[in-house]
Amino acid sequence: MKQYLLTGVTPFNRQTPVDLLLENGVIAARGEKLSASDHATIIDCRGLQLFPGFVDAHAHLDKTLLGRDWYINDVPRSLGAMIENERHYRKQQQPDAQRQSERIARRGIASGTSFIRTHVDIDNEIGLANLEGVLETRRKLAGYVDIEIVAFPQSGILQNPGTEALLDQALSMGAELVGGLDPCSFDRDPRKHLDIIFELACRHNKKIDIHLHERGELGAFSLELILEYTRRYQKEHSVTLSHGFCLGMVDASRQQYFAEQMAELGVSVATTAPSDVAVPPWECLNDAGVAICAGNDGVRDTWSPYGNGDMLQRAVTMGLRYRWRKDSEILRAAKTITEGGARVMDVKNYGLEVGCRADLVLVPGRSMVESLVELPTARKVFKHGVLIAENEECLF
């Protein structure tokens, strides 16, 4: 196994440089003036910030149109319209889910992403084709990125007969989670929707990740049900609430109530920090002990032309959306795309201490904040202690 000695590197959460020895896929030593064997590759890391591998904890790898003809978006801003438009595009253009998911995954790897949780569309039109494509991408990129798959009913379950059986198959084929979508407003039978999701999760011993776009009191009602079902089905520490706009819309006392209940049940939150709607209250949730992660969501797809797969850019988006300006505040964003995501995805031995897996990113910057706001491209990315990407190019 190749050995690397990183000298004079500054961990993103401190100000004093250290040396790191990478060996056998882990951080073997950390300290000052470390020595290494004659065959080690020594990298002078002065002026570089060290991050553990970024975690994109809410992605849609199968949806991206990256590399295809430019898509002109003229779709009304409504969930139903965007879902129907995507189904129409998919039917007419037949994008290859394997090729597309690999393209965007490689883009993420090159920018420093080590772990991805991706929602993959399962419905009565596409069947399991997108899942098969992403499973193949996961196989091809094994050793370079860890991909966790959510079997996601983007077009609903009750609205699309046959989807329940397909979700069942998807979980048997290797998806680690079952997804859900707006139990009240989309499927219009929240208890039936949640019955299906939780029963599938229990049958296959899998986790759950539910898209909850529903706003205000409607979203709060759905969240109450999700918490109820988490208790009833004993799925503590197995449920993630994606988006959760309603959490940012209810009053402070209810935010505190939900934060405490979610912490007790181990329900985590994934945010994409959108600019046009309320976001989950980061401080309230964090102080209560709720795990908070972030993700790129869809990147250049039929829903939106934005995104490039870079989680540092997502951290900047978080800082802007939450109006964080102090270094101590912006550190929250950096921790959300690293430690928060690792906690939600239950990544073992994650971090920058001795014994942690050597999944690392080196980013130019005199401080963590400068690394975020400058978004430099001259990064070095390590996976299992091996240099796999440099200067936005994968080396494999």
Protein backbone atom coordinates (compact mmCIF):
# COMPACT_ATOMS: atom_id res chain seq x y z
CA MET A 1 0.00 0.00 0.00
CA LYS A 2 1.35 3.42 -1.00
CA GLN A 3 2.44 5.75 1.81
CA TYR A 4 1.99 9.54 1.80
CA LEU A 5 3.38 12.11 4.20
CA LEU A 6 1.43 15.38 4.22
CA THR A 7 3.58 18.08 5.81
CA GLY A 8 2.44 21.41 7.22
CA VAL A 9 -1.25 20.95 6.48
CA THR A 10 -3.93 22.86 8.41
CA PRO A 11 -7.04 20.90 9.47
CA PHE A 12 -10.15 22.90 8.55
CA ASN A 13 -11.35 23.07 12.17
CA ARG A 14 -8.13 24.42 13.70
CA GLN A 15 -5.40 26.96 12.91
CA THR A 16 -2.17 25.09 13.68
CA PRO A 17 -0.52 23.06 10.90
CA VAL A 18 0.35 19.39 11.45
CA ASP A 19 1.91 16.51 9.55
CA LEU A 20 -0.17 13.48 8.59
CA LEU A 21 1.11 10.05 7.60
CA LEU A 22 -1.27 8.05 5.39
CA GLU A 23 -0.69 4.31 5.28
CA ASN A 24 -2.83 1.22 4.72
CA GLY A 25 -5.86 3.36 3.93
CA VAL A 26 -5.91 5.24 7.24
CA ILE A 27 -4.30 8.18 9.01
CA ALA A 28 -1.43 6.28 10.61
CA ALA A 29 0.13 9.22 12.47
CA ARG A 30 -0.52 12.87 13.17
CA GLY A 31 1.91 15.31 14.74
CA GLU A 32 4.88 17.61 14.17
CA LYS A 33 7.89 16.74 12.03
CA LEU A 34 6.80 13.21 11.26
CA SER A 35 9.14 10.91 9.36
CA ALA A 36 8.27 8.41 6.69
CA SER A 37 9.91 5.54 4.86
CA ASP A 38 12.08 6.09 1.79
CA HIS A 39 9.28 4.97 -0.55
CA ALA A 40 6.74 7.46 0.81
CA THR A 41 5.48 10.33 -1.33
CA ILE A 42 5.97 13.59 0.54
CA ILE A 43 3.57 16.47 -0.22
CA ASP A 44 4.29 19.98 1.05
CA CYS A 45 0.86 21.15 2.21
CA ARG A 46 1.71 24.63 3.42
CA GLY A 47 -1.15 26.92 2.40
CA LEU A 48 -3.61 24.03 2.14
CA GLN A 49 -6.68 23.31 4.26
CA LEU A 50 -7.41 19.69 5.11
CA PHE A 51 -10.98 18.38 5.08
CA PRO A 52 -12.25 14.84 5.52
CA GLY A 53 -13.90 13.63 2.30
CA PHE A 54 -17.03 15.60 1.49
CA VAL A 55 -20.43 13.98 1.92
CA ASP A 56 -23.17 14.66 -0.64
CA ALA A 57 -26.04 13.31 1.43
CA HIS A 58 -28.89 14.26 -0.90
CA ALA A 59 -28.24 13.66 -4.60
CA HIS A 60 -30.14 12.51 -7.69
CA LEU A 61 -27.38 10.98 -9.80
CA ASP A 62 -29.77 9.36 -12.25
CA LYS A 63 -31.44 12.65 -13.23
CA THR A 64 -28.52 14.78 -14.40
CA LEU A 65 -28.34 15.89 -18.03
CA LEU A 66 -24.66 16.78 -17.71
CA GLY A 67 -22.87 16.15 -21.01
CA ARG A 68 -26.06 15.96 -23.05
CA ASP A 69 -27.54 18.63 -25.34
CA TRP A 70 -28.47 21.73 -23.37
CA TYR A 71 -31.98 21.48 -21.98
CA ILE A 72 -34.15 24.62 -22.23
CA ASN A 73 -36.37 24.77 -19.16
CA ASP A 74 -39.85 26.24 -19.57
CA VAL A 75 -41.75 24.32 -16.90
CA PRO A 76 -44.18 25.92 -14.40
CA ARG A 77 -43.01 26.00 -10.80
CA SER A 78 -45.16 23.22 -9.38
CA LEU A 79 -44.11 19.80 -8.16
CA GLY A 80 -46.68 17.95 -10.27
CA ALA A 81 -45.73 19.81 -13.44
CA MET A 82 -42.01 19.22 -12.94
CA ILE A 83 -42.51 15.51 -12.27
CA GLU A 84 -44.71 15.09 -15.34
CA ASN A 85 -42.26 17.04 -17.50
CA GLU A 86 -39.39 14.88 -16.33
CA ARG A 87 -41.33 11.71 -17.17
CA HIS A 88 -42.06 13.10 -20.65
CA TYR A 89 -38.40 14.02 -21.27
CA ARG A 90 -37.21 10.64 -20.04
CA LYS A 91 -39.64 8.84 -22.33
CA GLN A 92 -38.76 10.92 -25.38
CA GLN A 93 -34.99 11.29 -24.91
CA GLN A 94 -34.16 8.06 -23.08
CA PRO A 95 -31.05 9.19 -21.21
CA ASP A 96 -28.73 6.41 -20.06
CA ALA A 97 -28.87 6.39 -16.24
CA GLN A 98 -25.54 4.58 -15.93
CA ARG A 99 -23.66 6.99 -18.17
CA GLN A 100 -25.25 10.05 -16.62
CA SER A 101 -24.79 8.95 -13.02
CA GLU A 102 -21.14 8.13 -13.65
CA ARG A 103 -20.56 11.52 -15.25
CA ILE A 104 -21.85 13.48 -12.28
CA ALA A 105 -20.29 11.10 -9.73
CA ARG A 106 -16.88 11.62 -11.34
CA ARG A 107 -17.43 15.37 -11.22
CA GLY A 108 -18.14 15.05 -7.51
CA ILE A 109 -15.12 12.85 -6.88
CA ALA A 110 -12.83 15.33 -8.64
CA SER A 111 -14.02 18.11 -6.35
CA GLY A 112 -13.58 16.05 -3.18
CA THR A 113 -16.76 14.03 -2.59
CA SER A 114 -16.08 10.68 -0.92
CA PHE A 115 -19.63 9.66 0.02
CA ILE A 116 -22.95 10.05 -1.80
CA ARG A 117 -26.53 9.22 -0.84
CA THR A 118 -28.49 9.29 -4.07
CA HIS A 119 -32.25 9.03 -4.60
CA VAL A 120 -32.99 6.91 -7.67
CA ASP A 121 -36.36 7.13 -9.43
CA ILE A 122 -38.55 4.02 -9.26
CA ASP A 123 -41.95 4.18 -10.96
CA ASN A 124 -44.33 2.23 -13.17
CA GLU A 125 -42.87 3.78 -16.32
CA ILE A 126 -39.10 3.56 -15.84
CA GLY A 127 -39.36 0.45 -13.68
CA LEU A 128 -35.96 -0.53 -12.27
CA ALA A 129 -33.85 0.72 -15.21
CA ASN A 130 -32.45 3.77 -13.40
CA LEU A 131 -31.61 1.66 -10.36
CA GLU A 132 -29.78 -0.84 -12.53
CA GLY A 133 -27.80 2.01 -14.09
CA VAL A 134 -26.78 3.52 -10.75
CA LEU A 135 -25.92 0.10 -9.32
CA GLU A 136 -23.53 -0.36 -12.25
CA THR A 137 -22.01 3.07 -11.61
CA ARG A 138 -21.53 2.11 -7.97
CA ARG A 139 -19.75 -1.07 -9.07
CA LYS A 140 -17.50 0.78 -11.55
CA LEU A 141 -16.52 3.48 -9.05
CA ALA A 142 -16.08 1.21 -6.04
CA GLY A 143 -12.88 2.23 -4.27
CA TYR A 144 -13.21 5.84 -5.41
CA VAL A 145 -16.54 6.86 -3.86
CA ASP A 146 -19.07 5.20 -1.54
CA ILE A 147 -22.59 5.40 -2.98
CA GLU A 148 -25.70 4.72 -0.91
CA ILE A 149 -28.98 4.32 -2.83
CA VAL A 150 -32.51 5.38 -1.90
CA ALA A 151 -35.29 3.66 -3.87
CA PHE A 152 -37.29 6.82 -4.50
CA PRO A 153 -40.94 6.96 -5.68
CA GLN A 154 -40.63 10.33 -7.42
CA SER A 155 -44.03 9.93 -9.08
CA GLY A 156 -45.71 8.77 -5.89
CA ILE A 157 -46.77 5.32 -4.75
CA LEU A 158 -50.55 5.45 -4.63
CA GLN A 159 -50.62 7.69 -7.72
CA ASN A 160 -48.62 5.10 -9.67
CA PRO A 161 -50.01 1.57 -9.23
CA GLY A 162 -47.28 -1.04 -9.24
CA THR A 163 -44.66 1.20 -7.67
CA GLU A 164 -44.92 -0.52 -4.28
CA ALA A 165 -43.90 -3.85 -5.80
CA LEU A 166 -41.04 -2.17 -7.66
CA LEU A 167 -39.78 -0.56 -4.45
CA ASP A 168 -39.86 -4.01 -2.86
CA GLN A 169 -37.71 -5.35 -5.70
CA ALA A 170 -35.35 -2.38 -5.54
CA LEU A 171 -34.63 -3.03 -1.87
CA SER A 172 -33.88 -6.67 -2.69
CA MET A 173 -31.52 -5.57 -5.48
CA GLY A 174 -29.30 -3.47 -3.23
CA ALA A 175 -30.91 -0.13 -2.41
CA GLU A 176 -30.10 0.70 1.23
CA LEU A 177 -33.08 2.96 1.86
CA VAL A 178 -36.69 3.36 0.82
CA GLY A 179 -37.85 6.86 -0.02
CA GLY A 180 -41.11 8.74 0.36
CA LEU A 181 -42.64 11.90 -1.06
CA ASP A 182 -45.06 14.46 0.44
CA PRO A 183 -47.55 11.99 2.00
CA CYS A 184 -50.44 14.48 2.11
CA SER A 185 -50.14 16.73 -0.91
CA PHE A 186 -48.91 14.26 -3.50
CA ASP A 187 -50.23 10.80 -2.67
CA ARG A 188 -53.16 12.33 -0.71
CA ASP A 189 -53.37 9.47 1.77
CA PRO A 190 -50.56 10.04 4.26
CA ARG A 191 -51.22 7.02 6.47
CA LYS A 192 -51.38 4.60 3.55
CA HIS A 193 -48.24 6.16 2.04
CA LEU A 194 -46.34 5.84 5.31
CA ASP A 195 -47.70 2.35 5.98
CA ILE A 196 -46.14 1.18 2.72
CA ILE A 197 -42.79 2.87 3.31
CA PHE A 198 -42.33 1.73 6.90
CA GLU A 199 -43.51 -1.81 6.21
CA LEU A 200 -41.07 -2.12 3.31
CA ALA A 201 -38.26 -0.76 5.50
CA CYS A 202 -39.04 -3.25 8.26
CA ARG A 203 -39.43 -6.18 5.85
CA HIS A 204 -36.00 -5.55 4.34
CA ASN A 205 -34.34 -4.08 7.46
CA LYS A 206 -33.57 -0.87 5.58
CA LYS A 207 -33.54 2.82 6.43
CA ILE A 208 -35.93 5.56 5.25
CA ASP A 209 -35.42 8.97 3.62
CA ILE A 210 -38.56 11.02 2.98
CA HIS A 211 -38.77 14.11 0.76
CA LEU A 212 -40.99 16.54 2.65
CA HIS A 213 -41.60 19.68 0.58
CA GLU A 214 -44.96 20.37 2.22
CA ARG A 215 -45.02 23.78 3.81
CA GLY A 216 -46.35 25.27 7.03
CA GLU A 217 -49.05 23.42 8.91
CA LEU A 218 -49.52 20.74 6.25
CA GLY A 219 -45.84 19.84 6.47
CA ALA A 220 -45.98 19.93 10.26
CA PHE A 221 -48.91 17.48 10.16
CA SER A 222 -46.94 15.11 7.94
CA LEU A 223 -43.91 15.44 10.21
CA GLU A 224 -46.04 14.54 13.25
CA LEU A 225 -47.12 11.40 11.40
CA ILE A 226 -43.55 10.53 10.42
CA LEU A 227 -42.48 10.78 14.07
CA GLU A 228 -45.47 8.67 15.11
CA TYR A 229 -44.59 5.97 12.56
CA THR A 230 -40.93 6.04 13.58
CA ARG A 231 -41.99 5.16 17.13
CA ARG A 232 -44.60 2.61 16.11
CA TYR A 233 -42.31 0.71 13.77
CA GLN A 234 -39.28 1.13 16.07
CA LYS A 235 -37.19 2.74 13.34
CA GLU A 236 -35.19 4.98 15.68
CA HIS A 237 -31.95 6.28 14.11
CA SER A 238 -33.15 5.07 10.70
CA VAL A 239 -35.16 7.99 9.28
CA THR A 240 -34.02 11.10 7.42
CA LEU A 241 -36.24 14.06 6.61
CA SER A 242 -35.12 15.65 3.34
CA HIS A 243 -35.82 19.36 2.79
CA GLY A 244 -38.23 19.80 5.72
CA PHE A 245 -39.27 23.33 4.77
CA CYS A 246 -42.05 23.26 7.35
CA LEU A 247 -39.48 23.22 10.14
CA GLY A 248 -38.47 26.74 9.18
CA MET A 249 -42.08 27.95 8.97
CA VAL A 250 -43.59 27.02 12.33
CA ASP A 251 -43.11 29.22 15.38
CA ALA A 252 -40.09 28.91 17.67
CA SER A 253 -41.85 26.80 20.32
CA ARG A 254 -42.90 24.20 17.74
CA GLN A 255 -39.45 24.23 16.20
CA GLN A 256 -38.07 23.37 19.64
CA TYR A 257 -40.69 20.65 20.11
CA PHE A 258 -39.90 19.04 16.77
CA ALA A 259 -36.14 19.32 17.37
CA GLU A 260 -36.44 17.51 20.71
CA GLN A 261 -38.68 14.79 19.28
CA MET A 262 -36.41 14.25 16.29
CA ALA A 263 -33.32 14.08 18.50
CA GLU A 264 -35.01 11.52 20.76
CA LEU A 265 -35.91 9.34 17.78
CA GLY A 266 -32.68 9.90 15.87
CA VAL A 267 -34.48 11.48 12.91
CA SER A 268 -31.94 13.42 10.84
CA VAL A 269 -32.36 16.31 8.40
CA ALA A 270 -30.96 16.81 4.89
CA THR A 271 -31.03 20.32 3.45
CA THR A 272 -30.06 21.74 0.09
CA ALA A 273 -30.33 25.32 1.41
CA PRO A 274 -32.72 26.59 -1.29
CA SER A 275 -32.99 30.34 -1.75
CA ASP A 276 -36.74 30.60 -2.32
CA VAL A 277 -38.25 28.86 0.71
CA ALA A 278 -37.72 28.46 4.44
CA VAL A 279 -34.93 26.16 5.60
CA PRO A 280 -34.73 23.97 8.71
CA PRO A 281 -33.52 25.98 11.77
CA TRP A 282 -29.90 24.84 11.94
CA GLU A 283 -29.03 26.11 15.42
CA CYS A 284 -32.21 24.84 17.06
CA LEU A 285 -31.84 21.38 15.54
CA ASN A 286 -28.10 21.14 16.18
CA ASP A 287 -28.41 22.27 19.80
CA ALA A 288 -31.04 19.58 20.38
CA GLY A 289 -28.71 16.93 18.95
CA VAL A 290 -30.31 16.38 15.54
CA ALA A 291 -27.87 15.28 12.81
CA ILE A 292 -27.90 17.73 9.88
CA CYS A 293 -26.42 16.99 6.47
CA ALA A 294 -26.49 18.69 3.09
CA GLY A 295 -26.56 17.71 -0.55
CA ASN A 296 -26.42 19.04 -4.08
CA ASP A 297 -29.90 17.71 -4.93
CA GLY A 298 -30.40 17.57 -8.70
CA VAL A 299 -27.56 18.92 -10.83
CA ARG A 300 -28.38 20.34 -14.28
CA ASP A 301 -31.50 18.32 -14.85
CA THR A 302 -35.04 19.01 -16.08
CA TRP A 303 -35.82 20.62 -12.75
CA SER A 304 -33.00 23.17 -12.60
CA PRO A 305 -29.93 24.29 -14.60
CA TYR A 306 -27.87 24.93 -11.47
CA GLY A 307 -25.16 22.96 -9.72
CA ASN A 308 -21.82 21.38 -10.57
CA GLY A 309 -21.48 18.55 -8.05
CA ASP A 310 -19.12 20.50 -5.76
CA MET A 311 -20.01 20.23 -2.08
CA LEU A 312 -17.84 23.23 -1.21
CA GLN A 313 -20.19 25.25 -3.41
CA ARG A 314 -23.10 23.80 -1.44
CA ALA A 315 -21.43 24.93 1.79
CA VAL A 316 -21.23 28.45 0.35
CA THR A 317 -24.91 28.23 -0.59
CA MET A 318 -25.68 27.28 3.01
CA GLY A 319 -23.69 30.21 4.35
CA LEU A 320 -25.55 32.63 2.10
CA ARG A 321 -28.97 31.15 2.83
CA TYR A 322 -28.49 31.13 6.59
CA ARG A 323 -26.79 34.55 6.48
CA TRP A 324 -23.69 33.24 8.20
CA ARG A 325 -20.73 35.64 8.02
CA LYS A 326 -18.55 34.98 11.08
CA ASP A 327 -15.84 32.34 10.73
CA SER A 328 -17.45 30.41 13.59
CA GLU A 329 -20.79 30.46 11.75
CA ILE A 330 -19.34 29.42 8.39
CA LEU A 331 -17.65 26.51 10.17
CA ARG A 332 -21.18 25.13 10.61
CA ALA A 333 -21.49 24.82 6.84
CA ALA A 334 -18.12 23.06 6.58
CA LYS A 335 -19.13 20.63 9.31
CA THR A 336 -22.50 19.98 7.67
CA ILE A 337 -20.89 18.77 4.42
CA THR A 338 -18.39 16.65 6.35
CA GLU A 339 -19.14 15.47 9.89
CA GLY A 340 -22.91 15.99 9.60
CA GLY A 341 -23.17 13.97 6.41
CA ALA A 342 -20.95 11.22 7.82
CA ARG A 343 -23.18 11.00 10.89
CA VAL A 344 -26.34 10.72 8.80
CA MET A 345 -24.82 8.09 6.51
CA ASP A 346 -23.28 6.30 9.50
CA VAL A 347 -19.76 6.38 8.07
CA LYS A 348 -17.39 4.60 10.44
CA ASN A 349 -13.93 5.92 11.37
CA TYR A 350 -14.56 9.26 9.69
CA GLY A 351 -12.49 12.34 10.48
CA LEU A 352 -8.95 13.68 10.75
CA GLU A 353 -7.64 11.79 13.78
CA VAL A 354 -5.23 8.87 13.91
CA GLY A 355 -7.02 5.68 12.88
CA CYS A 356 -9.60 7.46 10.75
CA ARG A 357 -10.01 6.40 7.14
CA ALA A 358 -7.75 8.42 4.86
CA ASP A 359 -10.54 9.88 2.71
CA LEU A 360 -9.31 13.46 2.50
CA VAL A 361 -9.41 16.67 0.50
CA LEU A 362 -6.65 19.29 0.33
CA VAL A 363 -7.91 22.75 -0.66
CA PRO A 364 -5.81 25.91 -1.10
CA GLY A 365 -6.59 28.59 1.47
CA ARG A 366 -5.11 30.47 4.40
CA SER A 367 -8.19 29.55 6.39
CA MET A 368 -11.22 27.31 6.14
CA VAL A 369 -13.38 30.30 5.18
CA GLU A 370 -11.05 31.37 2.37
CA SER A 371 -11.15 27.81 0.99
CA LEU A 372 -14.93 28.03 0.84
CA VAL A 373 -15.36 31.52 -0.56
CA GLU A 374 -12.57 31.25 -3.13
CA LEU A 375 -13.68 27.77 -4.28
CA PRO A 376 -10.20 26.97 -5.65
CA THR A 377 -9.95 24.17 -8.19
CA ALA A 378 -6.37 23.12 -7.34
CA ARG A 379 -7.45 20.39 -4.93
CA LYS A 380 -5.97 17.01 -4.11
CA VAL A 381 -8.38 14.19 -3.28
CA PHE A 382 -7.46 10.98 -1.44
CA LYS A 383 -9.56 7.84 -1.08
CA HIS A 384 -8.36 4.98 1.12
CA GLY A 385 -5.05 6.83 1.44
CA VAL A 386 -4.42 7.01 -2.32
CA LEU A 387 -4.37 10.17 -4.46
CA ILE A 388 -7.30 9.72 -6.88
CA ALA A 389 -7.99 13.26 -8.18
CA GLU A 390 -6.08 16.46 -8.66
CA ASN A 391 -6.87 19.86 -10.17
CA GLU A 392 -10.50 18.81 -10.89
CA GLU A 393 -9.42 15.71 -12.83
CA CYS A 394 -9.89 12.10 -11.77
CA LEU A 395 -6.67 10.11 -12.00
CA PHE A 396 -8.41 6.85 -12.90
